[in-house]
Amino acid sequence: MANFKSDLARMLREVRLSRGFSQQEVATLLHVSRPTYSYYETARVLPDIETLKKLAGIYSISPELFFYPERFPGQEKDW
């Protein structure tokens, strides 16, 4: 689980930065506080499935990418 959490946290940060969002902007879109969103990116808190679906929509990526990045080879190049 620790690897999944840290990999997801890294992915969330990379995708956010590639899309040009600040943590505050994403937090506002999710209706959470900036510290809460920051916890997702530092692997202190694991976002629930509904939050991951919302993030996928915000970033225009498949929600499956969060769980099965190996199914999307090269996808990170598009971030």
Foldseek 3Di string as FASTA:
>chain_A
DQVLQQVLLCVLVLLCVVVPHDLCVLCVQLVHHSVVSVCSNVSVDPDDLVSLVSSCVVSVHDSCCSVCVVVPPPVSVVD
